[in-house]
PDB file of N, CA and C in Angstrom:
ATOM      1  N   MET A   1       0.837  -1.179   0.000  1.00  0.00           N
ATOM      2  CA  MET A   1       0.000   0.000   0.000  1.00  0.00           C
ATOM      3  C   MET A   1       0.884   1.244   0.000  1.00  0.00           C
ATOM      4  N   LEU A   2       0.563   2.173  -0.860  1.00  0.00           N
ATOM      5  CA  LEU A   2       1.334   3.409  -0.974  1.00  0.00           C
ATOM      6  C   LEU A   2       0.911   4.413   0.091  1.00  0.00           C
ATOM      7  N   THR A   3       1.879   5.104   0.648  1.00  0.00           N
ATOM      8  CA  THR A   3       1.575   6.190   1.579  1.00  0.00           C
ATOM      9  C   THR A   3       1.251   7.445   0.766  1.00  0.00           C
ATOM     10  N   GLY A   4       0.761   8.472   1.440  1.00  0.00           N
ATOM     11  CA  GLY A   4       0.450   9.726   0.759  1.00  0.00           C
ATOM     12  C   GLY A   4       1.678  10.354   0.122  1.00  0.00           C
ATOM     13  N   LYS A   5       2.802  10.279   0.828  1.00  0.00           N
ATOM     14  CA  LYS A   5       4.053  10.845   0.317  1.00  0.00           C
ATOM     15  C   LYS A   5       4.512  10.094  -0.934  1.00  0.00           C
ATOM     16  N   GLN A   6       4.405   8.779  -0.920  1.00  0.00           N
ATOM     17  CA  GLN A   6       4.812   7.970  -2.064  1.00  0.00           C
ATOM     18  C   GLN A   6       3.896   8.231  -3.264  1.00  0.00           C
ATOM     19  N   ARG A   7       2.589   8.294  -3.000  1.00  0.00           N
ATOM     20  CA  ARG A   7       1.629   8.567  -4.074  1.00  0.00           C
ATOM     21  C   ARG A   7       1.885   9.944  -4.686  1.00  0.00           C
ATOM     22  N   SER A   8       2.195  10.925  -3.843  1.00  0.00           N
ATOM     23  CA  SER A   8       2.496  12.272  -4.317  1.00  0.00           C
ATOM     24  C   SER A   8       3.737  12.274  -5.208  1.00  0.00           C
ATOM     25  N   TYR A   9       4.749  11.523  -4.805  1.00  0.00           N
ATOM     26  CA  TYR A   9       5.972  11.420  -5.603  1.00  0.00           C
ATOM     27  C   TYR A   9       5.678  10.799  -6.971  1.00  0.00           C
ATOM     28  N   LEU A  10       4.887   9.739  -6.980  1.00  0.00           N
ATOM     29  CA  LEU A  10       4.539   9.089  -8.248  1.00  0.00           C
ATOM     30  C   LEU A  10       3.702  10.012  -9.129  1.00  0.00           C
ATOM     31  N   ARG A  11       2.808  10.799  -8.514  1.00  0.00           N
ATOM     32  CA  ARG A  11       2.018  11.767  -9.295  1.00  0.00           C
ATOM     33  C   ARG A  11       2.923  12.775  -9.992  1.00  0.00           C
ATOM     34  N   SER A  12       3.980  13.188  -9.302  1.00  0.00           N
ATOM     35  CA  SER A  12       4.901  14.155  -9.911  1.00  0.00           C
ATOM     36  C   SER A  12       5.597  13.539 -11.124  1.00  0.00           C
ATOM     37  N   LEU A  13       5.858  12.249 -11.077  1.00  0.00           N
ATOM     38  CA  LEU A  13       6.493  11.572 -12.215  1.00  0.00           C
ATOM     39  C   LEU A  13       5.534  11.396 -13.397  1.00  0.00           C
ATOM     40  N   THR A  14       4.238  11.319 -13.123  1.00  0.00           N
ATOM     41  CA  THR A  14       3.272  11.081 -14.203  1.00  0.00           C
ATOM     42  C   THR A  14       3.002  12.317 -15.053  1.00  0.00           C
ATOM     43  N   ASN A  15       3.398  13.496 -14.573  1.00  0.00           N
ATOM     44  CA  ASN A  15       3.139  14.720 -15.333  1.00  0.00           C
ATOM     45  C   ASN A  15       3.737  14.669 -16.730  1.00  0.00           C
ATOM     46  N   THR A  16       4.864  14.032 -16.876  1.00  0.00           N
ATOM     47  CA  THR A  16       5.544  13.994 -18.175  1.00  0.00           C
ATOM     48  C   THR A  16       5.206  12.749 -18.988  1.00  0.00           C
ATOM     49  N   LEU A  17       4.451  11.815 -18.408  1.00  0.00           N
ATOM     50  CA  LEU A  17       4.122  10.572 -19.112  1.00  0.00           C
ATOM     51  C   LEU A  17       2.986  10.764 -20.105  1.00  0.00           C
ATOM     52  N   GLU A  18       3.089  10.073 -21.214  1.00  0.00           N
ATOM     53  CA  GLU A  18       1.997   9.996 -22.180  1.00  0.00           C
ATOM     54  C   GLU A  18       1.309   8.642 -21.978  1.00  0.00           C
ATOM     55  N   PRO A  19       0.012   8.537 -22.285  1.00  0.00           N
ATOM     56  CA  PRO A  19      -0.656   7.242 -22.158  1.00  0.00           C
ATOM     57  C   PRO A  19       0.012   6.192 -23.060  1.00  0.00           C
ATOM     58  N   VAL A  20       0.273   5.016 -22.496  1.00  0.00           N
ATOM     59  CA  VAL A  20       0.920   3.946 -23.255  1.00  0.00           C
ATOM     60  C   VAL A  20      -0.087   2.928 -23.758  1.00  0.00           C
ATOM     61  N   LEU A  21      -1.336   3.015 -23.277  1.00  0.00           N
ATOM     62  CA  LEU A  21      -2.378   2.092 -23.707  1.00  0.00           C
ATOM     63  C   LEU A  21      -3.700   2.828 -23.721  1.00  0.00           C
ATOM     64  N   ILE A  22      -4.502   2.543 -24.729  1.00  0.00           N
ATOM     65  CA  ILE A  22      -5.821   3.155 -24.851  1.00  0.00           C
ATOM     66  C   ILE A  22      -6.856   2.040 -24.806  1.00  0.00           C
ATOM     67  N   ILE A  23      -7.823   2.187 -23.903  1.00  0.00           N
ATOM     68  CA  ILE A  23      -8.888   1.197 -23.765  1.00  0.00           C
ATOM     69  C   ILE A  23     -10.127   1.738 -24.465  1.00  0.00           C
ATOM     70  N   GLY A  24     -10.656   0.963 -25.399  1.00  0.00           N
ATOM     71  CA  GLY A  24     -11.799   1.381 -26.196  1.00  0.00           C
ATOM     72  C   GLY A  24     -13.101   0.756 -25.748  1.00  0.00           C
ATOM     73  N   LYS A  25     -14.020   0.611 -26.709  1.00  0.00           N
ATOM     74  CA  LYS A  25     -15.373   0.163 -26.385  1.00  0.00           C
ATOM     75  C   LYS A  25     -15.450  -1.278 -25.893  1.00  0.00           C
ATOM     76  N   ASN A  26     -14.437  -2.091 -26.155  1.00  0.00           N
ATOM     77  CA  ASN A  26     -14.450  -3.478 -25.678  1.00  0.00           C
ATOM     78  C   ASN A  26     -14.087  -3.582 -24.198  1.00  0.00           C
ATOM     79  N   GLY A  27     -13.601  -2.513 -23.618  1.00  0.00           N
ATOM     80  CA  GLY A  27     -13.290  -2.491 -22.201  1.00  0.00           C
ATOM     81  C   GLY A  27     -12.042  -3.285 -21.858  1.00  0.00           C
ATOM     82  N   VAL A  28     -12.026  -3.824 -20.651  1.00  0.00           N
ATOM     83  CA  VAL A  28     -10.866  -4.553 -20.144  1.00  0.00           C
ATOM     84  C   VAL A  28     -10.997  -6.020 -20.547  1.00  0.00           C
ATOM     85  N   THR A  29     -10.212  -6.406 -21.533  1.00  0.00           N
ATOM     86  CA  THR A  29     -10.232  -7.784 -22.027  1.00  0.00           C
ATOM     87  C   THR A  29      -8.972  -8.514 -21.549  1.00  0.00           C
ATOM     88  N   GLU A  30      -8.907  -9.804 -21.825  1.00  0.00           N
ATOM     89  CA  GLU A  30      -7.720 -10.588 -21.477  1.00  0.00           C
ATOM     90  C   GLU A  30      -6.469 -10.023 -22.129  1.00  0.00           C
ATOM     91  N   ASN A  31      -6.604  -9.612 -23.379  1.00  0.00           N
ATOM     92  CA  ASN A  31      -5.479  -9.061 -24.119  1.00  0.00           C
ATOM     93  C   ASN A  31      -4.987  -7.753 -23.488  1.00  0.00           C
ATOM     94  N   VAL A  32      -5.909  -6.917 -23.058  1.00  0.00           N
ATOM     95  CA  VAL A  32      -5.555  -5.660 -22.402  1.00  0.00           C
ATOM     96  C   VAL A  32      -4.807  -5.954 -21.106  1.00  0.00           C
ATOM     97  N   ILE A  33      -5.283  -6.919 -20.338  1.00  0.00           N
ATOM     98  CA  ILE A  33      -4.626  -7.288 -19.079  1.00  0.00           C
ATOM     99  C   ILE A  33      -3.205  -7.789 -19.341  1.00  0.00           C
ATOM    100  N   LYS A  34      -3.032  -8.613 -20.367  1.00  0.00           N
ATOM    101  CA  LYS A  34      -1.710  -9.136 -20.718  1.00  0.00           C
ATOM    102  C   LYS A  34      -0.759  -7.988 -21.073  1.00  0.00           C
ATOM    103  N   GLN A  35      -1.248  -7.048 -21.902  1.00  0.00           N
ATOM    104  CA  GLN A  35      -0.428  -5.904 -22.287  1.00  0.00           C
ATOM    105  C   GLN A  35      -0.056  -5.051 -21.072  1.00  0.00           C
ATOM    106  N   LEU A  36      -1.028  -4.806 -20.195  1.00  0.00           N
ATOM    107  CA  LEU A  36      -0.764  -4.010 -18.995  1.00  0.00           C
ATOM    108  C   LEU A  36       0.254  -4.692 -18.094  1.00  0.00           C
ATOM    109  N   ASP A  37       0.151  -6.009 -17.961  1.00  0.00           N
ATOM    110  CA  ASP A  37       1.100  -6.761 -17.147  1.00  0.00           C
ATOM    111  C   ASP A  37       2.520  -6.600 -17.689  1.00  0.00           C
ATOM    112  N   ASP A  38       2.670  -6.728 -19.002  1.00  0.00           N
ATOM    113  CA  ASP A  38       3.985  -6.567 -19.635  1.00  0.00           C
ATOM    114  C   ASP A  38       4.509  -5.136 -19.465  1.00  0.00           C
ATOM    115  N   LEU A  39       3.637  -4.154 -19.642  1.00  0.00           N
ATOM    116  CA  LEU A  39       4.039  -2.751 -19.497  1.00  0.00           C
ATOM    117  C   LEU A  39       4.457  -2.426 -18.068  1.00  0.00           C
ATOM    118  N   LEU A  40       3.715  -2.939 -17.098  1.00  0.00           N
ATOM    119  CA  LEU A  40       4.072  -2.690 -15.706  1.00  0.00           C
ATOM    120  C   LEU A  40       5.411  -3.316 -15.348  1.00  0.00           C
ATOM    121  N   GLU A  41       5.683  -4.481 -15.881  1.00  0.00           N
ATOM    122  CA  GLU A  41       6.968  -5.131 -15.600  1.00  0.00           C
ATOM    123  C   GLU A  41       8.116  -4.331 -16.218  1.00  0.00           C
ATOM    124  N   ALA A  42       7.884  -3.754 -17.391  1.00  0.00           N
ATOM    125  CA  ALA A  42       8.930  -3.007 -18.087  1.00  0.00           C
ATOM    126  C   ALA A  42       9.103  -1.586 -17.551  1.00  0.00           C
ATOM    127  N   ARG A  43       8.001  -0.929 -17.139  1.00  0.00           N
ATOM    128  CA  ARG A  43       8.057   0.491 -16.793  1.00  0.00           C
ATOM    129  C   ARG A  43       7.722   0.828 -15.351  1.00  0.00           C
ATOM    130  N   GLU A  44       6.981  -0.001 -14.685  1.00  0.00           N
ATOM    131  CA  GLU A  44       6.508   0.181 -13.308  1.00  0.00           C
ATOM    132  C   GLU A  44       5.385   1.213 -13.176  1.00  0.00           C
ATOM    133  N   LEU A  45       5.492   2.342 -13.812  1.00  0.00           N
ATOM    134  CA  LEU A  45       4.496   3.405 -13.705  1.00  0.00           C
ATOM    135  C   LEU A  45       3.950   3.683 -15.101  1.00  0.00           C
ATOM    136  N   ILE A  46       2.635   3.488 -15.278  1.00  0.00           N
ATOM    137  CA  ILE A  46       2.054   3.688 -16.612  1.00  0.00           C
ATOM    138  C   ILE A  46       0.763   4.495 -16.526  1.00  0.00           C
ATOM    139  N   LYS A  47       0.520   5.223 -17.612  1.00  0.00           N
ATOM    140  CA  LYS A  47      -0.693   6.017 -17.749  1.00  0.00           C
ATOM    141  C   LYS A  47      -1.543   5.375 -18.841  1.00  0.00           C
ATOM    142  N   ILE A  48      -2.850   5.248 -18.573  1.00  0.00           N
ATOM    143  CA  ILE A  48      -3.783   4.608 -19.494  1.00  0.00           C
ATOM    144  C   ILE A  48      -4.915   5.584 -19.789  1.00  0.00           C
ATOM    145  N   LYS A  49      -5.366   5.580 -21.028  1.00  0.00           N
ATOM    146  CA  LYS A  49      -6.455   6.463 -21.436  1.00  0.00           C
ATOM    147  C   LYS A  49      -7.674   5.630 -21.831  1.00  0.00           C
ATOM    148  N   LEU A  50      -8.850   6.113 -21.443  1.00  0.00           N
ATOM    149  CA  LEU A  50     -10.108   5.486 -21.850  1.00  0.00           C
ATOM    150  C   LEU A  50     -10.737   6.333 -22.944  1.00  0.00           C
ATOM    151  N   LEU A  51     -11.175   5.688 -24.005  1.00  0.00           N
ATOM    152  CA  LEU A  51     -11.892   6.417 -25.050  1.00  0.00           C
ATOM    153  C   LEU A  51     -13.298   6.752 -24.557  1.00  0.00           C
ATOM    154  N   ASP A  52     -13.856   7.832 -25.090  1.00  0.00           N
ATOM    155  CA  ASP A  52     -15.198   8.258 -24.680  1.00  0.00           C
ATOM    156  C   ASP A  52     -16.254   7.199 -24.980  1.00  0.00           C
ATOM    157  N   ASN A  53     -16.054   6.434 -26.055  1.00  0.00           N
ATOM    158  CA  ASN A  53     -17.065   5.442 -26.436  1.00  0.00           C
ATOM    159  C   ASN A  53     -17.004   4.167 -25.592  1.00  0.00           C
ATOM    160  N   SER A  54     -16.084   4.094 -24.631  1.00  0.00           N
ATOM    161  CA  SER A  54     -15.980   2.903 -23.795  1.00  0.00           C
ATOM    162  C   SER A  54     -17.133   2.829 -22.790  1.00  0.00           C
ATOM    163  N   GLY A  55     -17.681   3.977 -22.409  1.00  0.00           N
ATOM    164  CA  GLY A  55     -18.795   3.991 -21.475  1.00  0.00           C
ATOM    165  C   GLY A  55     -18.393   3.635 -20.052  1.00  0.00           C
ATOM    166  N   LEU A  56     -17.113   3.665 -19.748  1.00  0.00           N
ATOM    167  CA  LEU A  56     -16.600   3.312 -18.429  1.00  0.00           C
ATOM    168  C   LEU A  56     -15.969   4.528 -17.773  1.00  0.00           C
ATOM    169  N   SER A  57     -15.919   4.518 -16.450  1.00  0.00           N
ATOM    170  CA  SER A  57     -15.223   5.608 -15.763  1.00  0.00           C
ATOM    171  C   SER A  57     -13.799   5.172 -15.456  1.00  0.00           C
ATOM    172  N   ALA A  58     -12.905   6.123 -15.407  1.00  0.00           N
ATOM    173  CA  ALA A  58     -11.491   5.821 -15.184  1.00  0.00           C
ATOM    174  C   ALA A  58     -11.268   5.162 -13.831  1.00  0.00           C
ATOM    175  N   LYS A  59     -11.974   5.604 -12.800  1.00  0.00           N
ATOM    176  CA  LYS A  59     -11.785   5.036 -11.464  1.00  0.00           C
ATOM    177  C   LYS A  59     -12.263   3.587 -11.397  1.00  0.00           C
ATOM    178  N   GLU A  60     -13.376   3.275 -12.082  1.00  0.00           N
ATOM    179  CA  GLU A  60     -13.881   1.897 -12.103  1.00  0.00           C
ATOM    180  C   GLU A  60     -12.888   0.968 -12.777  1.00  0.00           C
ATOM    181  N   VAL A  61     -12.393   1.382 -13.937  1.00  0.00           N
ATOM    182  CA  VAL A  61     -11.448   0.561 -14.687  1.00  0.00           C
ATOM    183  C   VAL A  61     -10.136   0.423 -13.911  1.00  0.00           C
ATOM    184  N   ALA A  62      -9.663   1.513 -13.315  1.00  0.00           N
ATOM    185  CA  ALA A  62      -8.420   1.474 -12.536  1.00  0.00           C
ATOM    186  C   ALA A  62      -8.553   0.494 -11.379  1.00  0.00           C
ATOM    187  N   SER A  63      -9.672   0.518 -10.699  1.00  0.00           N
ATOM    188  CA  SER A  63      -9.905  -0.392  -9.583  1.00  0.00           C
ATOM    189  C   SER A  63      -9.890  -1.849 -10.046  1.00  0.00           C
ATOM    190  N   GLU A  64     -10.572  -2.117 -11.153  1.00  0.00           N
ATOM    191  CA  GLU A  64     -10.627  -3.469 -11.707  1.00  0.00           C
ATOM    192  C   GLU A  64      -9.233  -3.953 -12.114  1.00  0.00           C
ATOM    193  N   VAL A  65      -8.509  -3.108 -12.823  1.00  0.00           N
ATOM    194  CA  VAL A  65      -7.167  -3.460 -13.299  1.00  0.00           C
ATOM    195  C   VAL A  65      -6.217  -3.680 -12.116  1.00  0.00           C
ATOM    196  N   CYS A  66      -6.285  -2.815 -11.120  1.00  0.00           N
ATOM    197  CA  CYS A  66      -5.405  -2.952  -9.949  1.00  0.00           C
ATOM    198  C   CYS A  66      -5.674  -4.251  -9.203  1.00  0.00           C
ATOM    199  N   ASP A  67      -6.935  -4.635  -9.094  1.00  0.00           N
ATOM    200  CA  ASP A  67      -7.268  -5.902  -8.433  1.00  0.00           C
ATOM    201  C   ASP A  67      -6.704  -7.089  -9.193  1.00  0.00           C
ATOM    202  N   ILE A  68      -6.846  -7.085 -10.491  1.00  0.00           N
ATOM    203  CA  ILE A  68      -6.389  -8.204 -11.317  1.00  0.00           C
ATOM    204  C   ILE A  68      -4.868  -8.300 -11.331  1.00  0.00           C
ATOM    205  N   LEU A  69      -4.194  -7.151 -11.490  1.00  0.00           N
ATOM    206  CA  LEU A  69      -2.737  -7.146 -11.660  1.00  0.00           C
ATOM    207  C   LEU A  69      -1.961  -6.940 -10.362  1.00  0.00           C
ATOM    208  N   LYS A  70      -2.654  -6.829  -9.238  1.00  0.00           N
ATOM    209  CA  LYS A  70      -1.995  -6.599  -7.943  1.00  0.00           C
ATOM    210  C   LYS A  70      -1.093  -5.360  -8.000  1.00  0.00           C
ATOM    211  N   SER A  71      -1.637  -4.296  -8.583  1.00  0.00           N
ATOM    212  CA  SER A  71      -0.898  -3.049  -8.705  1.00  0.00           C
ATOM    213  C   SER A  71      -1.537  -1.984  -7.813  1.00  0.00           C
ATOM    214  N   GLN A  72      -0.944  -0.807  -7.780  1.00  0.00           N
ATOM    215  CA  GLN A  72      -1.406   0.294  -6.934  1.00  0.00           C
ATOM    216  C   GLN A  72      -1.979   1.419  -7.787  1.00  0.00           C
ATOM    217  N   TYR A  73      -3.134   1.918  -7.392  1.00  0.00           N
ATOM    218  CA  TYR A  73      -3.755   3.065  -8.039  1.00  0.00           C
ATOM    219  C   TYR A  73      -3.008   4.325  -7.599  1.00  0.00           C
ATOM    220  N   VAL A  74      -2.650   5.170  -8.576  1.00  0.00           N
ATOM    221  CA  VAL A  74      -1.940   6.412  -8.258  1.00  0.00           C
ATOM    222  C   VAL A  74      -2.887   7.602  -8.371  1.00  0.00           C
ATOM    223  N   GLN A  75      -3.508   7.768  -9.554  1.00  0.00           N
ATOM    224  CA  GLN A  75      -4.434   8.887  -9.734  1.00  0.00           C
ATOM    225  C   GLN A  75      -5.246   8.701 -10.994  1.00  0.00           C
ATOM    226  N   SER A  76      -6.345   9.455 -11.086  1.00  0.00           N
ATOM    227  CA  SER A  76      -7.109   9.529 -12.332  1.00  0.00           C
ATOM    228  C   SER A  76      -7.533  10.970 -12.532  1.00  0.00           C
ATOM    229  N   ILE A  77      -7.400  11.410 -13.767  1.00  0.00           N
ATOM    230  CA  ILE A  77      -7.816  12.757 -14.142  1.00  0.00           C
ATOM    231  C   ILE A  77      -8.583  12.623 -15.450  1.00  0.00           C
ATOM    232  N   GLY A  78      -9.862  12.973 -15.414  1.00  0.00           N
ATOM    233  CA  GLY A  78     -10.688  12.849 -16.611  1.00  0.00           C
ATOM    234  C   GLY A  78     -10.766  11.407 -17.068  1.00  0.00           C
ATOM    235  N   SER A  79     -10.360  11.159 -18.304  1.00  0.00           N
ATOM    236  CA  SER A  79     -10.430   9.806 -18.860  1.00  0.00           C
ATOM    237  C   SER A  79      -9.087   9.081 -18.782  1.00  0.00           C
ATOM    238  N   LYS A  80      -8.152   9.618 -18.029  1.00  0.00           N
ATOM    239  CA  LYS A  80      -6.833   8.983 -17.892  1.00  0.00           C
ATOM    240  C   LYS A  80      -6.610   8.565 -16.445  1.00  0.00           C
ATOM    241  N   PHE A  81      -5.911   7.451 -16.274  1.00  0.00           N
ATOM    242  CA  PHE A  81      -5.533   7.033 -14.931  1.00  0.00           C
ATOM    243  C   PHE A  81      -4.135   6.443 -14.952  1.00  0.00           C
ATOM    244  N   THR A  82      -3.510   6.443 -13.776  1.00  0.00           N
ATOM    245  CA  THR A  82      -2.136   5.981 -13.638  1.00  0.00           C
ATOM    246  C   THR A  82      -2.081   4.899 -12.572  1.00  0.00           C
ATOM    247  N   ILE A  83      -1.312   3.842 -12.876  1.00  0.00           N
ATOM    248  CA  ILE A  83      -1.120   2.760 -11.911  1.00  0.00           C
ATOM    249  C   ILE A  83       0.369   2.451 -11.776  1.00  0.00           C
ATOM    250  N   TYR A  84       0.710   1.821 -10.647  1.00  0.00           N
ATOM    251  CA  TYR A  84       2.103   1.509 -10.345  1.00  0.00           C
ATOM    252  C   TYR A  84       2.206   0.091  -9.793  1.00  0.00           C
ATOM    253  N   ARG A  85       3.250  -0.607 -10.212  1.00  0.00           N
ATOM    254  CA  ARG A  85       3.596  -1.896  -9.618  1.00  0.00           C
ATOM    255  C   ARG A  85       5.100  -2.067  -9.722  1.00  0.00           C
ATOM    256  N   GLU A  86       5.723  -2.386  -8.605  1.00  0.00           N
ATOM    257  CA  GLU A  86       7.164  -2.576  -8.598  1.00  0.00           C
ATOM    258  C   GLU A  86       7.511  -3.827  -9.395  1.00  0.00           C
ATOM    259  N   SER A  87       8.522  -3.714 -10.261  1.00  0.00           N
ATOM    260  CA  SER A  87       8.934  -4.854 -11.072  1.00  0.00           C
ATOM    261  C   SER A  87       9.992  -5.661 -10.328  1.00  0.00           C
ATOM    262  N   LYS A  88      10.405  -6.755 -10.921  1.00  0.00           N
ATOM    263  CA  LYS A  88      11.407  -7.617 -10.288  1.00  0.00           C
ATOM    264  C   LYS A  88      12.727  -6.878 -10.100  1.00  0.00           C
ATOM    265  N   GLU A  89      13.047  -6.007 -11.036  1.00  0.00           N
ATOM    266  CA  GLU A  89      14.229  -5.154 -10.935  1.00  0.00           C
ATOM    267  C   GLU A  89      13.743  -3.705 -10.887  1.00  0.00           C
ATOM    268  N   PRO A  90      13.549  -3.141  -9.689  1.00  0.00           N
ATOM    269  CA  PRO A  90      12.959  -1.807  -9.550  1.00  0.00           C
ATOM    270  C   PRO A  90      13.694  -0.715 -10.342  1.00  0.00           C
ATOM    271  N   LEU A  91      12.907   0.118 -10.998  1.00  0.00           N
ATOM    272  CA  LEU A  91      13.432   1.228 -11.778  1.00  0.00           C
ATOM    273  C   LEU A  91      13.253   2.568 -11.058  1.00  0.00           C
ATOM    274  N   ILE A  92      12.212   2.663 -10.255  1.00  0.00           N
ATOM    275  CA  ILE A  92      11.861   3.914  -9.594  1.00  0.00           C
ATOM    276  C   ILE A  92      12.183   3.792  -8.112  1.00  0.00           C
ATOM    277  N   ASN A  93      12.931   4.751  -7.599  1.00  0.00           N
ATOM    278  CA  ASN A  93      13.232   4.788  -6.151  1.00  0.00           C
ATOM    279  C   ASN A  93      12.162   5.622  -5.471  1.00  0.00           C
ATOM    280  N   ILE A  94      11.242   4.935  -4.815  1.00  0.00           N
ATOM    281  CA  ILE A  94      10.147   5.629  -4.118  1.00  0.00           C
ATOM    282  C   ILE A  94      10.611   5.968  -2.705  1.00  0.00           C
ATOM    283  N   PRO A  95      10.381   7.218  -2.256  1.00  0.00           N
ATOM    284  CA  PRO A  95      10.770   7.570  -0.889  1.00  0.00           C
ATOM    285  C   PRO A  95       9.997   6.744   0.145  1.00  0.00           C
ATOM    286  N   LYS A  96      10.629   6.458   1.242  1.00  0.00           N
ATOM    287  CA  LYS A  96       9.992   5.632   2.291  1.00  0.00           C
ATOM    288  C   LYS A  96       9.040   6.434   3.099  1.00  0.00           C
TER     289      LYS A  96
END
């Protein structure tokens, strides 16, 4: 579980990130989960965008994805959300 200080630090890192995955009208499928798992292992911190035609809210999808992938919710703004999961070889030094 991330502390407020850790979440704040990760939010500061997301300002420069572009969405690496776009979820469309099919929603969260097995293929999307597989891609997210690979991206989290490679990058640790990723931003995802939901298309307007998906009919889903960013917080709902973020919650679902975090439960499935055992990752941490960082933030959501509009149709974008950010999640974090430490990889086997950590890339980001999060303050304690």
